[in-house]
Amino acid sequence: MRRLIAFACAGERLLGTLDEASGETGLLIVSGGNEVRSGAHRGMAMLAQRLAKAGVPVFRFDRRGVGDSSGENSGFLSAAPDIAAAAATFTAETGLRRLVAFGNCDAATALALFGECAGIDRLILANPWVIEGGGDLPPAAAIRARYAAALRTPKEWLRLATGGVSLGKVAKGLRKVAQAPAPEEGALAVRLITALHGWGTRSTILLAHGDATAIAYRHAIKDAGLIAPVALLDSVSHSFALPGDDDWLLEQILAAL
């Protein structure tokens, strides 16, 4: 059974979707970026349906100012009240004994930062966001990784020689790499690493190997000494949208649950 639930958060009305099941451990899904609760390519809605069939109740919601929820969208760093309200609603509606949360991208970072105060017992974090600010280029770490891979490929040298590569884009990318701060200089990365140390093995990290956000995360935490288990998928899809990615994601979440 799938049903809609309206609940309050900081004077606003939020809307969530509950996929009911008999299990006493439930999964709260937090959407990344400005995505609505169905997720990219309806991925989170389909994931919730499959988990419910496996006996796991799942709750998804739109945070303030996104999708069907009222209020102002102030970004993921303002999502602590939304996550807490959704967790409380999920628990009250189902009588859960254990609450696990899953988030991709900046939702993963928000859960690491705010999940403890929301009463969440365990986290499953995909491609956590560590990048300060915005811009139209991938993170510097991802640019470096892609250039390194390209230099090992004869086909890429041929593209460069025959004009198949934009030298302007290459120069722009190199400037970003040169100007990028060291990982320890990023306040968001420091906050995330500190939070993950607190979660320890109560968090599981899922990474798409070729995704720019995942590459930036691996670069930022490489000397952090984190002990959370990590699972790596050979995919470039940030939202796990390539054939077979959804099956891998389901398997990883069930294993963590």
C-alpha atoms as a PDB file:
ATOM      1  CA  MET A   1       0.000   0.000   0.000  1.00  0.00           C
ATOM      2  CA  ARG A   2       1.313   3.445  -0.962  1.00  0.00           C
ATOM      3  CA  ARG A   3      -0.219   6.522   0.624  1.00  0.00           C
ATOM      4  CA  LEU A   4       0.391  10.251   0.871  1.00  0.00           C
ATOM      5  CA  ILE A   5       0.999  11.889   4.246  1.00  0.00           C
ATOM      6  CA  ALA A   6       1.000  15.620   4.993  1.00  0.00           C
ATOM      7  CA  PHE A   7       2.968  16.804   8.023  1.00  0.00           C
ATOM      8  CA  ALA A   8       4.143  20.060   9.572  1.00  0.00           C
ATOM      9  CA  CYS A   9       7.633  21.534   9.611  1.00  0.00           C
ATOM     10  CA  ALA A  10       8.496  25.016  10.915  1.00  0.00           C
ATOM     11  CA  GLY A  11       5.015  26.321  10.129  1.00  0.00           C
ATOM     12  CA  GLU A  12       4.927  24.831   6.632  1.00  0.00           C
ATOM     13  CA  ARG A  13       3.090  21.857   5.140  1.00  0.00           C
ATOM     14  CA  LEU A  14       5.284  19.058   3.796  1.00  0.00           C
ATOM     15  CA  LEU A  15       4.093  16.114   1.755  1.00  0.00           C
ATOM     16  CA  GLY A  16       5.536  12.621   1.871  1.00  0.00           C
ATOM     17  CA  THR A  17       4.860   9.195   0.385  1.00  0.00           C
ATOM     18  CA  LEU A  18       4.804   6.063   2.532  1.00  0.00           C
ATOM     19  CA  ASP A  19       5.283   2.620   1.010  1.00  0.00           C
ATOM     20  CA  GLU A  20       3.947   0.377   3.740  1.00  0.00           C
ATOM     21  CA  ALA A  21       5.427  -2.982   4.717  1.00  0.00           C
ATOM     22  CA  SER A  22       5.513  -5.238   7.767  1.00  0.00           C
ATOM     23  CA  GLY A  23       9.154  -4.753   8.789  1.00  0.00           C
ATOM     24  CA  GLU A  24      10.144  -2.945  11.991  1.00  0.00           C
ATOM     25  CA  THR A  25      13.197  -1.344  10.345  1.00  0.00           C
ATOM     26  CA  GLY A  26      12.251   1.450   7.973  1.00  0.00           C
ATOM     27  CA  LEU A  27      14.133   3.457   5.363  1.00  0.00           C
ATOM     28  CA  LEU A  28      13.779   7.231   5.149  1.00  0.00           C
ATOM     29  CA  ILE A  29      14.809   8.504   1.708  1.00  0.00           C
ATOM     30  CA  VAL A  30      16.006  12.119   1.502  1.00  0.00           C
ATOM     31  CA  SER A  31      16.124  13.618  -1.994  1.00  0.00           C
ATOM     32  CA  GLY A  32      19.275  15.360  -3.212  1.00  0.00           C
ATOM     33  CA  GLY A  33      19.535  18.769  -4.841  1.00  0.00           C
ATOM     34  CA  ASN A  34      16.138  20.185  -5.753  1.00  0.00           C
ATOM     35  CA  GLU A  35      14.719  16.816  -6.780  1.00  0.00           C
ATOM     36  CA  VAL A  36      11.185  15.911  -5.764  1.00  0.00           C
ATOM     37  CA  ARG A  37      10.654  12.797  -3.677  1.00  0.00           C
ATOM     38  CA  SER A  38      10.267  10.503  -6.704  1.00  0.00           C
ATOM     39  CA  GLY A  39      13.959  11.078  -7.502  1.00  0.00           C
ATOM     40  CA  ALA A  40      15.768  11.344 -10.825  1.00  0.00           C
ATOM     41  CA  HIS A  41      14.144   9.161 -13.490  1.00  0.00           C
ATOM     42  CA  ARG A  42      11.610   8.145 -10.767  1.00  0.00           C
ATOM     43  CA  GLY A  43      14.453   6.138  -9.302  1.00  0.00           C
ATOM     44  CA  MET A  44      13.545   6.680  -5.648  1.00  0.00           C
ATOM     45  CA  ALA A  45       9.869   5.844  -6.202  1.00  0.00           C
ATOM     46  CA  MET A  46      10.798   2.562  -7.899  1.00  0.00           C
ATOM     47  CA  LEU A  47      13.410   1.802  -5.226  1.00  0.00           C
ATOM     48  CA  ALA A  48      10.799   2.349  -2.494  1.00  0.00           C
ATOM     49  CA  GLN A  49       8.369   0.009  -4.221  1.00  0.00           C
ATOM     50  CA  ARG A  50      10.959  -2.769  -4.488  1.00  0.00           C
ATOM     51  CA  LEU A  51      12.049  -2.354  -0.867  1.00  0.00           C
ATOM     52  CA  ALA A  52       8.451  -2.475   0.357  1.00  0.00           C
ATOM     53  CA  LYS A  53       7.957  -5.745  -1.517  1.00  0.00           C
ATOM     54  CA  ALA A  54      10.986  -7.042   0.418  1.00  0.00           C
ATOM     55  CA  GLY A  55       9.307  -6.087   3.703  1.00  0.00           C
ATOM     56  CA  VAL A  56      10.942  -2.685   4.301  1.00  0.00           C
ATOM     57  CA  PRO A  57       8.627   0.299   4.884  1.00  0.00           C
ATOM     58  CA  VAL A  58       9.906   3.391   3.065  1.00  0.00           C
ATOM     59  CA  PHE A  59       9.090   7.081   3.478  1.00  0.00           C
ATOM     60  CA  ARG A  60      10.024   9.786   0.957  1.00  0.00           C
ATOM     61  CA  PHE A  61       9.221  13.486   1.244  1.00  0.00           C
ATOM     62  CA  ASP A  62       9.641  16.896  -0.358  1.00  0.00           C
ATOM     63  CA  ARG A  63      11.507  19.343   1.851  1.00  0.00           C
ATOM     64  CA  ARG A  64      10.304  22.919   2.272  1.00  0.00           C
ATOM     65  CA  GLY A  65       9.991  24.787  -1.019  1.00  0.00           C
ATOM     66  CA  VAL A  66      10.426  21.658  -3.177  1.00  0.00           C
ATOM     67  CA  GLY A  67       7.764  19.729  -5.073  1.00  0.00           C
ATOM     68  CA  ASP A  68       4.456  19.527  -3.220  1.00  0.00           C
ATOM     69  CA  SER A  69       5.738  21.118   0.006  1.00  0.00           C
ATOM     70  CA  SER A  70       5.170  24.752   0.938  1.00  0.00           C
ATOM     71  CA  GLY A  71       7.761  27.230   2.167  1.00  0.00           C
ATOM     72  CA  GLU A  72      11.082  28.533   0.916  1.00  0.00           C
ATOM     73  CA  ASN A  73      13.772  26.300  -0.539  1.00  0.00           C
ATOM     74  CA  SER A  74      16.879  27.306   1.411  1.00  0.00           C
ATOM     75  CA  GLY A  75      19.076  24.398   0.309  1.00  0.00           C
ATOM     76  CA  PHE A  76      20.341  21.223   1.908  1.00  0.00           C
ATOM     77  CA  LEU A  77      22.225  22.952   4.738  1.00  0.00           C
ATOM     78  CA  SER A  78      18.878  24.217   6.038  1.00  0.00           C
ATOM     79  CA  ALA A  79      17.215  20.798   5.904  1.00  0.00           C
ATOM     80  CA  ALA A  80      17.720  19.735   9.545  1.00  0.00           C
ATOM     81  CA  PRO A  81      14.117  20.568  10.585  1.00  0.00           C
ATOM     82  CA  ASP A  82      12.730  18.855   7.473  1.00  0.00           C
ATOM     83  CA  ILE A  83      14.664  15.642   8.126  1.00  0.00           C
ATOM     84  CA  ALA A  84      13.675  15.630  11.801  1.00  0.00           C
ATOM     85  CA  ALA A  85       9.986  16.204  10.993  1.00  0.00           C
ATOM     86  CA  ALA A  86       9.992  13.478   8.331  1.00  0.00           C
ATOM     87  CA  ALA A  87      11.722  10.998  10.666  1.00  0.00           C
ATOM     88  CA  ALA A  88       9.225  11.705  13.463  1.00  0.00           C
ATOM     89  CA  THR A  89       6.267  11.355  11.090  1.00  0.00           C
ATOM     90  CA  PHE A  90       7.568   8.100   9.624  1.00  0.00           C
ATOM     91  CA  THR A  91       8.087   6.596  13.082  1.00  0.00           C
ATOM     92  CA  ALA A  92       4.691   7.753  14.364  1.00  0.00           C
ATOM     93  CA  GLU A  93       2.832   6.409  11.319  1.00  0.00           C
ATOM     94  CA  THR A  94       4.464   2.967  11.391  1.00  0.00           C
ATOM     95  CA  GLY A  95       5.683   2.273  14.938  1.00  0.00           C
ATOM     96  CA  LEU A  96       9.195   1.551  13.688  1.00  0.00           C
ATOM     97  CA  ARG A  97      11.775   0.212  16.129  1.00  0.00           C
ATOM     98  CA  ARG A  98      14.775   1.154  13.950  1.00  0.00           C
ATOM     99  CA  LEU A  99      15.202   3.973  11.455  1.00  0.00           C
ATOM    100  CA  VAL A 100      17.756   3.970   8.626  1.00  0.00           C
ATOM    101  CA  ALA A 101      18.122   6.844   6.161  1.00  0.00           C
ATOM    102  CA  PHE A 102      19.402   6.975   2.589  1.00  0.00           C
ATOM    103  CA  GLY A 103      20.453  10.022   0.606  1.00  0.00           C
ATOM    104  CA  ASN A 104      22.370  10.771  -2.570  1.00  0.00           C
ATOM    105  CA  CYS A 105      24.607  13.803  -3.241  1.00  0.00           C
ATOM    106  CA  ASP A 106      23.900  16.754  -0.921  1.00  0.00           C
ATOM    107  CA  ALA A 107      21.140  14.729   0.773  1.00  0.00           C
ATOM    108  CA  ALA A 108      23.857  12.328   1.907  1.00  0.00           C
ATOM    109  CA  THR A 109      25.825  15.216   3.372  1.00  0.00           C
ATOM    110  CA  ALA A 110      22.717  16.631   5.060  1.00  0.00           C
ATOM    111  CA  LEU A 111      21.992  13.253   6.662  1.00  0.00           C
ATOM    112  CA  ALA A 112      25.557  12.942   7.945  1.00  0.00           C
ATOM    113  CA  LEU A 113      25.334  16.423   9.485  1.00  0.00           C
ATOM    114  CA  PHE A 114      21.770  16.324  10.843  1.00  0.00           C
ATOM    115  CA  GLY A 115      20.705  12.674  11.063  1.00  0.00           C
ATOM    116  CA  GLU A 116      21.812  12.129  14.660  1.00  0.00           C
ATOM    117  CA  CYS A 117      19.543  14.899  15.952  1.00  0.00           C
ATOM    118  CA  ALA A 118      16.654  13.443  13.926  1.00  0.00           C
ATOM    119  CA  GLY A 119      16.868  10.136  15.802  1.00  0.00           C
ATOM    120  CA  ILE A 120      18.189   8.148  12.841  1.00  0.00           C
ATOM    121  CA  ASP A 121      20.040   4.953  13.791  1.00  0.00           C
ATOM    122  CA  ARG A 122      22.065   4.265  10.654  1.00  0.00           C
ATOM    123  CA  LEU A 123      22.939   5.975   7.363  1.00  0.00           C
ATOM    124  CA  ILE A 124      23.411   4.827   3.762  1.00  0.00           C
ATOM    125  CA  LEU A 125      25.136   7.666   1.905  1.00  0.00           C
ATOM    126  CA  ALA A 126      25.643   7.771  -1.857  1.00  0.00           C
ATOM    127  CA  ASN A 127      28.122  10.103  -3.569  1.00  0.00           C
ATOM    128  CA  PRO A 128      28.299  12.622  -0.684  1.00  0.00           C
ATOM    129  CA  TRP A 129      28.647  16.276  -1.673  1.00  0.00           C
ATOM    130  CA  VAL A 130      31.835  18.060  -0.520  1.00  0.00           C
ATOM    131  CA  ILE A 131      32.091  20.844  -3.102  1.00  0.00           C
ATOM    132  CA  GLU A 132      32.060  24.471  -2.017  1.00  0.00           C
ATOM    133  CA  GLY A 133      30.060  26.887  -4.162  1.00  0.00           C
ATOM    134  CA  GLY A 134      28.867  26.197  -7.698  1.00  0.00           C
ATOM    135  CA  GLY A 135      30.106  26.702 -11.235  1.00  0.00           C
ATOM    136  CA  ASP A 136      29.729  25.163 -14.670  1.00  0.00           C
ATOM    137  CA  LEU A 137      32.719  22.816 -14.413  1.00  0.00           C
ATOM    138  CA  PRO A 138      33.116  19.494 -12.574  1.00  0.00           C
ATOM    139  CA  PRO A 139      35.067  19.476  -9.270  1.00  0.00           C
ATOM    140  CA  ALA A 140      38.830  19.952  -9.614  1.00  0.00           C
ATOM    141  CA  ALA A 141      39.506  16.394  -8.404  1.00  0.00           C
ATOM    142  CA  ALA A 142      37.207  15.015 -11.112  1.00  0.00           C
ATOM    143  CA  ILE A 143      38.936  17.118 -13.789  1.00  0.00           C
ATOM    144  CA  ARG A 144      42.338  15.797 -12.682  1.00  0.00           C
ATOM    145  CA  ALA A 145      41.063  12.202 -12.753  1.00  0.00           C
ATOM    146  CA  ARG A 146      39.607  12.588 -16.233  1.00  0.00           C
ATOM    147  CA  TYR A 147      42.742  14.232 -17.629  1.00  0.00           C
ATOM    148  CA  ALA A 148      44.882  11.459 -16.129  1.00  0.00           C
ATOM    149  CA  ALA A 149      42.693   8.793 -17.739  1.00  0.00           C
ATOM    150  CA  ALA A 150      42.708  10.621 -21.079  1.00  0.00           C
ATOM    151  CA  LEU A 151      46.505  10.869 -21.135  1.00  0.00           C
ATOM    152  CA  ARG A 152      46.685   7.075 -20.889  1.00  0.00           C
ATOM    153  CA  THR A 153      44.423   6.664 -23.942  1.00  0.00           C
ATOM    154  CA  PRO A 154      45.997   6.936 -27.448  1.00  0.00           C
ATOM    155  CA  LYS A 155      42.593   7.805 -28.918  1.00  0.00           C
ATOM    156  CA  GLU A 156      42.503  10.994 -26.832  1.00  0.00           C
ATOM    157  CA  TRP A 157      45.926  12.072 -28.121  1.00  0.00           C
ATOM    158  CA  LEU A 158      44.593  11.608 -31.662  1.00  0.00           C
ATOM    159  CA  ARG A 159      41.511  13.714 -30.863  1.00  0.00           C
ATOM    160  CA  LEU A 160      43.755  16.479 -29.538  1.00  0.00           C
ATOM    161  CA  ALA A 161      45.973  16.385 -32.633  1.00  0.00           C
ATOM    162  CA  THR A 162      43.032  16.462 -35.048  1.00  0.00           C
ATOM    163  CA  GLY A 163      41.118  19.236 -33.301  1.00  0.00           C
ATOM    164  CA  GLY A 164      38.538  16.969 -31.661  1.00  0.00           C
ATOM    165  CA  VAL A 165      39.192  18.477 -28.230  1.00  0.00           C
ATOM    166  CA  SER A 166      38.339  22.073 -27.332  1.00  0.00           C
ATOM    167  CA  LEU A 167      41.579  23.706 -26.200  1.00  0.00           C
ATOM    168  CA  GLY A 168      39.502  26.455 -24.585  1.00  0.00           C
ATOM    169  CA  LYS A 169      37.728  23.934 -22.364  1.00  0.00           C
ATOM    170  CA  VAL A 170      41.039  22.268 -21.537  1.00  0.00           C
ATOM    171  CA  ALA A 171      42.522  25.614 -20.495  1.00  0.00           C
ATOM    172  CA  LYS A 172      39.462  26.444 -18.402  1.00  0.00           C
ATOM    173  CA  GLY A 173      39.675  23.086 -16.697  1.00  0.00           C
ATOM    174  CA  LEU A 174      43.372  23.478 -15.974  1.00  0.00           C
ATOM    175  CA  ARG A 175      42.725  26.887 -14.409  1.00  0.00           C
ATOM    176  CA  LYS A 176      40.145  25.358 -12.086  1.00  0.00           C
ATOM    177  CA  VAL A 177      42.575  22.625 -11.061  1.00  0.00           C
ATOM    178  CA  ALA A 178      45.321  25.176 -10.395  1.00  0.00           C
ATOM    179  CA  GLN A 179      43.059  27.453  -8.355  1.00  0.00           C
ATOM    180  CA  ALA A 180      41.314  24.717  -6.346  1.00  0.00           C
ATOM    181  CA  PRO A 181      41.959  24.771  -2.587  1.00  0.00           C
ATOM    182  CA  ALA A 182      43.384  21.731  -0.867  1.00  0.00           C
ATOM    183  CA  PRO A 183      40.659  19.407   0.471  1.00  0.00           C
ATOM    184  CA  GLU A 184      41.356  20.379   4.077  1.00  0.00           C
ATOM    185  CA  GLU A 185      40.632  24.030   3.211  1.00  0.00           C
ATOM    186  CA  GLY A 186      36.985  23.282   2.352  1.00  0.00           C
ATOM    187  CA  ALA A 187      34.752  23.978   5.328  1.00  0.00           C
ATOM    188  CA  LEU A 188      32.015  21.663   4.052  1.00  0.00           C
ATOM    189  CA  ALA A 189      34.446  18.758   3.607  1.00  0.00           C
ATOM    190  CA  VAL A 190      35.748  19.287   7.155  1.00  0.00           C
ATOM    191  CA  ARG A 191      32.203  19.314   8.549  1.00  0.00           C
ATOM    192  CA  LEU A 192      31.314  16.153   6.665  1.00  0.00           C
ATOM    193  CA  ILE A 193      34.467  14.289   7.714  1.00  0.00           C
ATOM    194  CA  THR A 194      33.882  15.250  11.353  1.00  0.00           C
ATOM    195  CA  ALA A 195      30.296  14.032  11.156  1.00  0.00           C
ATOM    196  CA  LEU A 196      31.295  10.752   9.498  1.00  0.00           C
ATOM    197  CA  HIS A 197      33.836  10.074  12.235  1.00  0.00           C
ATOM    198  CA  GLY A 198      30.941  10.386  14.668  1.00  0.00           C
ATOM    199  CA  TRP A 199      28.827   7.892  12.746  1.00  0.00           C
ATOM    200  CA  GLY A 200      31.697   5.402  12.407  1.00  0.00           C
ATOM    201  CA  THR A 201      30.501   2.025  11.129  1.00  0.00           C
ATOM    202  CA  ARG A 202      26.870   3.128  11.536  1.00  0.00           C
ATOM    203  CA  SER A 203      27.186   4.641   8.061  1.00  0.00           C
ATOM    204  CA  THR A 204      27.732   2.920   4.727  1.00  0.00           C
ATOM    205  CA  ILE A 205      29.139   4.832   1.748  1.00  0.00           C
ATOM    206  CA  LEU A 206      28.067   3.988  -1.810  1.00  0.00           C
ATOM    207  CA  LEU A 207      30.029   5.484  -4.694  1.00  0.00           C
ATOM    208  CA  ALA A 208      29.640   5.464  -8.471  1.00  0.00           C
ATOM    209  CA  HIS A 209      33.272   5.147  -9.567  1.00  0.00           C
ATOM    210  CA  GLY A 210      33.153   7.563 -12.514  1.00  0.00           C
ATOM    211  CA  ASP A 211      30.814  10.161 -11.018  1.00  0.00           C
ATOM    212  CA  ALA A 212      32.404  13.593 -10.547  1.00  0.00           C
ATOM    213  CA  THR A 213      30.850  14.079  -7.103  1.00  0.00           C
ATOM    214  CA  ALA A 214      32.105  10.690  -5.936  1.00  0.00           C
ATOM    215  CA  ILE A 215      35.593  11.466  -7.256  1.00  0.00           C
ATOM    216  CA  ALA A 216      35.631  14.744  -5.333  1.00  0.00           C
ATOM    217  CA  TYR A 217      34.471  12.944  -2.180  1.00  0.00           C
ATOM    218  CA  ARG A 218      37.209  10.290  -2.433  1.00  0.00           C
ATOM    219  CA  HIS A 219      39.807  13.015  -2.927  1.00  0.00           C
ATOM    220  CA  ALA A 220      38.576  15.016   0.051  1.00  0.00           C
ATOM    221  CA  ILE A 221      38.564  12.094   2.520  1.00  0.00           C
ATOM    222  CA  LYS A 222      41.614  10.148   1.336  1.00  0.00           C
ATOM    223  CA  ASP A 223      43.664  10.922   4.470  1.00  0.00           C
ATOM    224  CA  ALA A 224      40.749  11.237   6.891  1.00  0.00           C
ATOM    225  CA  GLY A 225      40.953   7.742   8.369  1.00  0.00           C
ATOM    226  CA  LEU A 226      37.223   7.054   8.079  1.00  0.00           C
ATOM    227  CA  ILE A 227      36.093   3.556   9.061  1.00  0.00           C
ATOM    228  CA  ALA A 228      32.690   3.453   7.371  1.00  0.00           C
ATOM    229  CA  PRO A 229      32.370   0.540   4.916  1.00  0.00           C
ATOM    230  CA  VAL A 230      32.497   1.629   1.258  1.00  0.00           C
ATOM    231  CA  ALA A 231      30.940  -0.052  -1.794  1.00  0.00           C
ATOM    232  CA  LEU A 232      32.062   1.039  -5.256  1.00  0.00           C
ATOM    233  CA  LEU A 233      30.001   0.627  -8.428  1.00  0.00           C
ATOM    234  CA  ASP A 234      31.642   0.716 -11.856  1.00  0.00           C
ATOM    235  CA  SER A 235      29.313   3.401 -13.222  1.00  0.00           C
ATOM    236  CA  VAL A 236      29.444   7.039 -14.242  1.00  0.00           C
ATOM    237  CA  SER A 237      25.809   7.687 -13.327  1.00  0.00           C
ATOM    238  CA  HIS A 238      25.380  10.025 -10.364  1.00  0.00           C
ATOM    239  CA  SER A 239      21.782   8.871  -9.871  1.00  0.00           C
ATOM    240  CA  PHE A 240      22.420   5.134 -10.506  1.00  0.00           C
ATOM    241  CA  ALA A 241      20.400   5.292 -13.715  1.00  0.00           C
ATOM    242  CA  LEU A 242      22.412   3.034 -16.035  1.00  0.00           C
ATOM    243  CA  PRO A 243      21.268  -0.542 -16.727  1.00  0.00           C
ATOM    244  CA  GLY A 244      21.950  -2.691 -13.692  1.00  0.00           C
ATOM    245  CA  ASP A 245      22.733   0.246 -11.378  1.00  0.00           C
ATOM    246  CA  ASP A 246      19.315   0.015  -9.726  1.00  0.00           C
ATOM    247  CA  ASP A 247      19.796  -3.671  -8.902  1.00  0.00           C
ATOM    248  CA  TRP A 248      23.206  -2.934  -7.351  1.00  0.00           C
ATOM    249  CA  LEU A 249      21.747  -0.076  -5.309  1.00  0.00           C
ATOM    250  CA  LEU A 250      18.902  -2.258  -4.036  1.00  0.00           C
ATOM    251  CA  GLU A 251      21.334  -5.012  -3.029  1.00  0.00           C
ATOM    252  CA  GLN A 252      23.574  -2.565  -1.154  1.00  0.00           C
ATOM    253  CA  ILE A 253      20.686  -0.993   0.734  1.00  0.00           C
ATOM    254  CA  LEU A 254      19.222  -4.379   1.716  1.00  0.00           C
ATOM    255  CA  ALA A 255      22.652  -5.485   2.931  1.00  0.00           C
ATOM    256  CA  ALA A 256      23.045  -2.334   5.045  1.00  0.00           C
ATOM    257  CA  LEU A 257      19.529  -2.721   6.443  1.00  0.00           C
END
